[in-house]
């Protein structure tokens, strides 16, 4: 969610650009979520996997008194129907329109079709 009703779920450090997030299972699910429950669950799983798999640090709200770090390159927000990415130039675009996310989605559909063959 964005605006006054927004809830900060966490922050990823290192490799948290869209291609890096899309390459991790829960990150891919979070970027393509279309309902709040799926998004929240995927982000919570992503924060755990991010650290466990050595991608970088995960910063949780409980570590910072619900104040997100201000020095992030990319910001990901869910508006109730889809995920948006704020690029470093402060332009917001739907996550599924970001070239790196589209490429990750394309790789997945290619892998799915190869498995069927």
N, C-alpha and C. Protein backbone atom coordinates (compact mmCIF):
# COMPACT_ATOMS: atom_id res chain seq x y z
N UNK A 1 0.85 -1.17 0.00
CA UNK A 1 0.00 0.00 0.00
C UNK A 1 0.89 1.24 0.00
N UNK A 2 0.37 2.29 -0.51
CA UNK A 2 1.12 3.54 -0.53
C UNK A 2 0.30 4.62 0.16
N UNK A 3 0.92 5.74 0.43
CA UNK A 3 0.21 6.86 1.03
C UNK A 3 0.06 6.69 2.53
N UNK A 4 -0.98 7.30 3.08
CA UNK A 4 -1.18 7.30 4.52
C UNK A 4 -1.46 5.93 5.11
N UNK A 5 -1.99 5.01 4.32
CA UNK A 5 -2.31 3.67 4.81
C UNK A 5 -1.20 2.67 4.55
N UNK A 6 -0.06 3.13 4.10
CA UNK A 6 1.04 2.23 3.76
C UNK A 6 1.63 1.57 4.99
N UNK A 7 2.10 0.35 4.80
CA UNK A 7 2.78 -0.39 5.84
C UNK A 7 4.13 -0.82 5.28
N UNK A 8 5.20 -0.43 5.97
CA UNK A 8 6.53 -0.85 5.56
C UNK A 8 6.74 -2.28 6.04
N UNK A 9 7.03 -3.19 5.10
CA UNK A 9 7.21 -4.59 5.44
C UNK A 9 8.67 -4.97 5.64
N UNK A 10 9.57 -4.22 5.05
CA UNK A 10 10.99 -4.50 5.20
C UNK A 10 11.79 -3.93 4.05
N UNK A 11 13.11 -4.02 4.18
CA UNK A 11 14.03 -3.51 3.17
C UNK A 11 15.10 -4.56 2.91
N UNK A 12 15.46 -4.70 1.65
CA UNK A 12 16.52 -5.62 1.25
C UNK A 12 17.78 -4.82 0.95
N UNK A 13 18.92 -5.32 1.38
CA UNK A 13 20.18 -4.68 1.03
C UNK A 13 20.96 -5.60 0.11
N UNK A 14 21.70 -4.99 -0.82
CA UNK A 14 22.48 -5.68 -1.86
C UNK A 14 21.57 -6.43 -2.82
N UNK A 15 21.83 -6.27 -4.07
CA UNK A 15 21.12 -6.99 -5.14
C UNK A 15 19.61 -6.81 -5.12
N UNK A 16 19.13 -5.72 -4.53
CA UNK A 16 17.67 -5.54 -4.43
C UNK A 16 17.10 -4.80 -5.63
N UNK A 17 17.85 -4.76 -6.71
CA UNK A 17 17.33 -4.23 -7.97
C UNK A 17 16.32 -5.24 -8.52
N UNK A 18 15.45 -4.84 -9.44
CA UNK A 18 14.37 -5.73 -9.88
C UNK A 18 14.82 -7.10 -10.38
N UNK A 19 15.91 -7.18 -11.12
CA UNK A 19 16.36 -8.49 -11.61
C UNK A 19 16.78 -9.38 -10.45
N UNK A 20 17.43 -8.80 -9.44
CA UNK A 20 17.85 -9.57 -8.27
C UNK A 20 16.67 -10.07 -7.47
N UNK A 21 15.67 -9.23 -7.30
CA UNK A 21 14.46 -9.62 -6.55
C UNK A 21 13.68 -10.67 -7.34
N UNK A 22 13.54 -10.47 -8.64
CA UNK A 22 12.76 -11.39 -9.48
C UNK A 22 13.41 -12.77 -9.58
N UNK A 23 14.73 -12.83 -9.36
CA UNK A 23 15.44 -14.10 -9.47
C UNK A 23 15.23 -15.01 -8.26
N UNK A 24 14.69 -14.47 -7.18
CA UNK A 24 14.45 -15.24 -5.96
C UNK A 24 12.97 -15.61 -5.93
N UNK A 25 12.66 -16.87 -5.70
CA UNK A 25 11.27 -17.36 -5.75
C UNK A 25 10.24 -16.46 -5.10
N UNK A 26 10.38 -16.16 -3.80
CA UNK A 26 9.37 -15.31 -3.17
C UNK A 26 9.37 -13.88 -3.74
N UNK A 27 10.51 -13.43 -4.23
CA UNK A 27 10.56 -12.10 -4.85
C UNK A 27 9.76 -12.07 -6.13
N UNK A 28 9.89 -13.12 -6.92
CA UNK A 28 9.11 -13.24 -8.15
C UNK A 28 7.62 -13.23 -7.83
N UNK A 29 7.24 -13.98 -6.81
CA UNK A 29 5.83 -14.03 -6.40
C UNK A 29 5.36 -12.66 -5.91
N UNK A 30 6.19 -11.98 -5.13
CA UNK A 30 5.82 -10.65 -4.62
C UNK A 30 5.63 -9.67 -5.77
N UNK A 31 6.52 -9.68 -6.75
CA UNK A 31 6.44 -8.72 -7.85
C UNK A 31 5.22 -8.93 -8.74
N UNK A 32 4.69 -10.13 -8.75
CA UNK A 32 3.53 -10.41 -9.61
C UNK A 32 2.23 -10.56 -8.82
N UNK A 33 2.27 -10.29 -7.52
CA UNK A 33 1.08 -10.43 -6.67
C UNK A 33 -0.04 -9.50 -7.12
N UNK A 34 -1.27 -9.99 -6.97
CA UNK A 34 -2.44 -9.18 -7.31
C UNK A 34 -3.42 -9.06 -6.14
N UNK A 35 -3.04 -9.62 -4.98
CA UNK A 35 -3.88 -9.45 -3.80
C UNK A 35 -2.98 -9.22 -2.58
N UNK A 36 -3.48 -8.48 -1.60
CA UNK A 36 -2.65 -8.09 -0.45
C UNK A 36 -2.07 -9.27 0.33
N UNK A 37 -2.84 -10.33 0.53
CA UNK A 37 -2.35 -11.46 1.29
C UNK A 37 -1.17 -12.14 0.63
N UNK A 38 -1.27 -12.36 -0.67
CA UNK A 38 -0.17 -12.98 -1.41
C UNK A 38 1.06 -12.10 -1.35
N UNK A 39 0.87 -10.79 -1.53
CA UNK A 39 2.00 -9.87 -1.50
C UNK A 39 2.69 -9.90 -0.14
N UNK A 40 1.92 -9.75 0.92
CA UNK A 40 2.50 -9.72 2.27
C UNK A 40 3.25 -11.03 2.57
N UNK A 41 2.63 -12.17 2.27
CA UNK A 41 3.27 -13.46 2.53
C UNK A 41 4.56 -13.61 1.72
N UNK A 42 4.51 -13.21 0.45
CA UNK A 42 5.69 -13.32 -0.40
C UNK A 42 6.83 -12.43 0.10
N UNK A 43 6.50 -11.21 0.51
CA UNK A 43 7.54 -10.30 1.02
C UNK A 43 8.14 -10.86 2.31
N UNK A 44 7.30 -11.38 3.19
CA UNK A 44 7.83 -11.97 4.43
C UNK A 44 8.75 -13.14 4.13
N UNK A 45 8.37 -13.99 3.18
CA UNK A 45 9.24 -15.10 2.78
C UNK A 45 10.52 -14.59 2.12
N UNK A 46 10.39 -13.55 1.29
CA UNK A 46 11.55 -12.98 0.61
C UNK A 46 12.56 -12.44 1.60
N UNK A 47 12.11 -11.75 2.63
CA UNK A 47 13.03 -11.21 3.64
C UNK A 47 13.83 -12.33 4.30
N UNK A 48 13.16 -13.44 4.59
CA UNK A 48 13.83 -14.58 5.22
C UNK A 48 14.82 -15.23 4.25
N UNK A 49 14.36 -15.52 3.04
CA UNK A 49 15.20 -16.18 2.04
C UNK A 49 16.39 -15.30 1.67
N UNK A 50 16.17 -14.00 1.60
CA UNK A 50 17.22 -13.06 1.19
C UNK A 50 18.47 -13.23 2.06
N UNK A 51 18.27 -13.28 3.36
CA UNK A 51 19.40 -13.46 4.27
C UNK A 51 19.89 -14.91 4.28
N UNK A 52 18.96 -15.85 4.37
CA UNK A 52 19.35 -17.26 4.47
C UNK A 52 20.17 -17.73 3.26
N UNK A 53 19.85 -17.22 2.07
CA UNK A 53 20.55 -17.63 0.86
C UNK A 53 21.75 -16.74 0.54
N UNK A 54 22.05 -15.78 1.40
CA UNK A 54 23.24 -14.94 1.24
C UNK A 54 23.15 -13.84 0.20
N UNK A 55 21.93 -13.41 -0.14
CA UNK A 55 21.78 -12.32 -1.10
C UNK A 55 22.15 -10.97 -0.49
N UNK A 56 21.97 -10.84 0.80
CA UNK A 56 22.24 -9.59 1.51
C UNK A 56 21.47 -9.56 2.81
N UNK A 57 21.42 -8.40 3.41
CA UNK A 57 20.73 -8.23 4.69
C UNK A 57 19.27 -7.88 4.45
N UNK A 58 18.43 -8.31 5.38
CA UNK A 58 17.02 -7.92 5.39
C UNK A 58 16.81 -7.04 6.62
N UNK A 59 16.22 -5.89 6.40
CA UNK A 59 15.95 -4.97 7.52
C UNK A 59 14.46 -5.01 7.79
N UNK A 60 14.11 -5.38 9.00
CA UNK A 60 12.72 -5.52 9.40
C UNK A 60 12.25 -4.27 10.15
N UNK A 61 10.98 -3.96 10.09
CA UNK A 61 10.46 -2.80 10.84
C UNK A 61 10.80 -2.85 12.33
N UNK A 62 10.79 -4.02 12.91
CA UNK A 62 11.08 -4.13 14.34
C UNK A 62 12.52 -3.72 14.67
N UNK A 63 13.41 -3.74 13.67
CA UNK A 63 14.80 -3.33 13.88
C UNK A 63 14.97 -1.81 13.83
N UNK A 64 13.98 -1.11 13.28
CA UNK A 64 14.12 0.34 13.07
C UNK A 64 12.92 1.13 13.57
N UNK A 65 12.15 0.59 14.48
CA UNK A 65 10.97 1.28 15.01
C UNK A 65 10.03 1.74 13.90
N UNK A 66 9.79 0.84 12.93
CA UNK A 66 8.87 1.11 11.81
C UNK A 66 9.28 2.28 10.93
N UNK A 67 10.56 2.63 10.90
CA UNK A 67 11.04 3.71 10.04
C UNK A 67 11.93 3.13 8.95
N UNK A 68 11.47 3.14 7.70
CA UNK A 68 12.30 2.56 6.64
C UNK A 68 13.54 3.41 6.35
N UNK A 69 14.62 2.77 5.91
CA UNK A 69 15.80 3.53 5.51
C UNK A 69 15.47 4.43 4.33
N UNK A 70 16.07 5.58 4.27
CA UNK A 70 15.79 6.52 3.18
C UNK A 70 16.74 6.36 2.01
N UNK A 71 17.80 5.61 2.17
CA UNK A 71 18.83 5.51 1.14
C UNK A 71 18.70 4.24 0.29
N UNK A 72 17.53 4.02 -0.26
CA UNK A 72 17.31 2.86 -1.11
C UNK A 72 17.25 3.27 -2.58
N UNK A 73 17.77 2.41 -3.45
CA UNK A 73 17.73 2.70 -4.88
C UNK A 73 16.34 2.43 -5.46
N UNK A 74 15.79 1.28 -5.12
CA UNK A 74 14.47 0.89 -5.62
C UNK A 74 13.50 0.76 -4.46
N UNK A 75 12.26 1.17 -4.70
CA UNK A 75 11.20 1.02 -3.72
C UNK A 75 10.10 0.21 -4.39
N UNK A 76 9.55 -0.76 -3.66
CA UNK A 76 8.48 -1.61 -4.16
C UNK A 76 7.25 -1.34 -3.31
N UNK A 77 6.11 -1.11 -3.97
CA UNK A 77 4.88 -0.80 -3.24
C UNK A 77 3.72 -1.56 -3.88
N UNK A 78 2.81 -1.99 -3.05
CA UNK A 78 1.61 -2.69 -3.51
C UNK A 78 0.42 -1.77 -3.28
N UNK A 79 -0.40 -1.55 -4.31
CA UNK A 79 -1.52 -0.61 -4.20
C UNK A 79 -2.87 -1.27 -3.98
N UNK A 80 -2.88 -2.57 -3.73
CA UNK A 80 -4.13 -3.29 -3.53
C UNK A 80 -4.48 -4.18 -4.70
N UNK A 81 -3.87 -3.91 -5.87
CA UNK A 81 -4.13 -4.75 -7.04
C UNK A 81 -2.86 -5.17 -7.76
N UNK A 82 -1.78 -4.39 -7.61
CA UNK A 82 -0.53 -4.76 -8.26
C UNK A 82 0.65 -4.06 -7.59
N UNK A 83 1.84 -4.52 -7.95
CA UNK A 83 3.07 -3.99 -7.38
C UNK A 83 3.65 -2.93 -8.31
N UNK A 84 4.18 -1.88 -7.70
CA UNK A 84 4.83 -0.80 -8.41
C UNK A 84 6.28 -0.73 -7.98
N UNK A 85 7.14 -0.31 -8.89
CA UNK A 85 8.56 -0.12 -8.59
C UNK A 85 8.89 1.35 -8.81
N UNK A 86 9.54 1.95 -7.80
CA UNK A 86 10.07 3.31 -8.00
C UNK A 86 11.54 3.18 -8.32
N UNK A 87 11.88 3.62 -9.51
CA UNK A 87 13.25 3.56 -9.97
C UNK A 87 14.07 4.67 -9.31
N UNK A 88 15.40 4.58 -9.39
CA UNK A 88 16.24 5.61 -8.77
C UNK A 88 15.92 7.04 -9.23
N UNK A 89 15.36 7.22 -10.42
CA UNK A 89 15.01 8.57 -10.88
C UNK A 89 13.64 9.00 -10.36
N UNK A 90 13.05 8.21 -9.46
CA UNK A 90 11.77 8.49 -8.79
C UNK A 90 10.55 8.32 -9.69
N UNK A 91 10.69 7.61 -10.79
CA UNK A 91 9.57 7.28 -11.66
C UNK A 91 8.97 5.96 -11.20
N UNK A 92 7.66 5.93 -11.02
CA UNK A 92 6.96 4.70 -10.63
C UNK A 92 6.46 3.99 -11.88
N UNK A 93 6.67 2.68 -11.95
CA UNK A 93 6.11 1.88 -13.05
C UNK A 93 5.56 0.58 -12.46
N UNK A 94 4.55 -0.01 -13.11
CA UNK A 94 4.09 -1.32 -12.64
C UNK A 94 5.23 -2.33 -12.72
N UNK A 95 5.38 -3.16 -11.71
CA UNK A 95 6.49 -4.13 -11.67
C UNK A 95 6.52 -5.00 -12.92
N UNK A 96 5.36 -5.44 -13.38
CA UNK A 96 5.34 -6.33 -14.55
C UNK A 96 5.71 -5.62 -15.84
N UNK A 97 5.85 -4.28 -15.80
CA UNK A 97 6.28 -3.53 -16.98
C UNK A 97 7.78 -3.24 -16.94
N UNK A 98 8.43 -3.49 -15.81
CA UNK A 98 9.87 -3.23 -15.70
C UNK A 98 10.60 -4.25 -16.57
N UNK A 99 11.57 -3.82 -17.38
CA UNK A 99 12.24 -4.74 -18.31
C UNK A 99 12.86 -5.96 -17.62
N UNK A 100 13.46 -5.79 -16.45
CA UNK A 100 14.09 -6.91 -15.76
C UNK A 100 13.06 -7.91 -15.25
N UNK A 101 11.94 -7.42 -14.79
CA UNK A 101 10.87 -8.31 -14.31
C UNK A 101 10.25 -9.03 -15.51
N UNK A 102 10.02 -8.29 -16.59
CA UNK A 102 9.48 -8.92 -17.81
C UNK A 102 10.41 -10.02 -18.31
N UNK A 103 11.72 -9.77 -18.24
CA UNK A 103 12.69 -10.78 -18.68
C UNK A 103 12.60 -12.02 -17.79
N UNK A 104 12.48 -11.82 -16.48
CA UNK A 104 12.36 -12.94 -15.55
C UNK A 104 11.08 -13.72 -15.82
N UNK A 105 9.99 -13.02 -16.10
CA UNK A 105 8.73 -13.70 -16.41
C UNK A 105 8.86 -14.47 -17.72
N UNK A 106 9.55 -13.89 -18.68
CA UNK A 106 9.76 -14.56 -19.97
C UNK A 106 10.59 -15.81 -19.82
N UNK A 107 11.63 -15.75 -18.97
CA UNK A 107 12.47 -16.93 -18.74
C UNK A 107 11.63 -18.03 -18.10
N UNK A 108 10.74 -17.66 -17.18
CA UNK A 108 9.92 -18.66 -16.50
C UNK A 108 8.99 -19.36 -17.50
N UNK A 109 8.34 -18.57 -18.36
CA UNK A 109 7.41 -19.19 -19.32
C UNK A 109 8.19 -20.04 -20.32
N UNK A 110 9.41 -19.66 -20.67
CA UNK A 110 10.24 -20.47 -21.57
C UNK A 110 10.61 -21.77 -20.89
N UNK A 111 11.00 -21.71 -19.60
CA UNK A 111 11.34 -22.93 -18.87
C UNK A 111 10.13 -23.84 -18.74
N UNK A 112 8.95 -23.27 -18.49
CA UNK A 112 7.74 -24.07 -18.38
C UNK A 112 7.45 -24.81 -19.66
N UNK A 113 7.61 -24.12 -20.81
CA UNK A 113 7.31 -24.75 -22.08
C UNK A 113 8.36 -25.81 -22.41
N UNK A 114 9.63 -25.62 -21.98
CA UNK A 114 10.65 -26.63 -22.19
C UNK A 114 10.38 -27.88 -21.38
N UNK A 115 9.83 -27.72 -20.17
CA UNK A 115 9.52 -28.87 -19.33
C UNK A 115 8.40 -29.70 -19.93
N UNK A 116 7.46 -29.05 -20.63
CA UNK A 116 6.33 -29.74 -21.23
C UNK A 116 6.78 -30.53 -22.45
N UNK A 117 7.80 -30.04 -23.15
CA UNK A 117 8.28 -30.70 -24.39
C UNK A 117 8.80 -32.07 -24.14
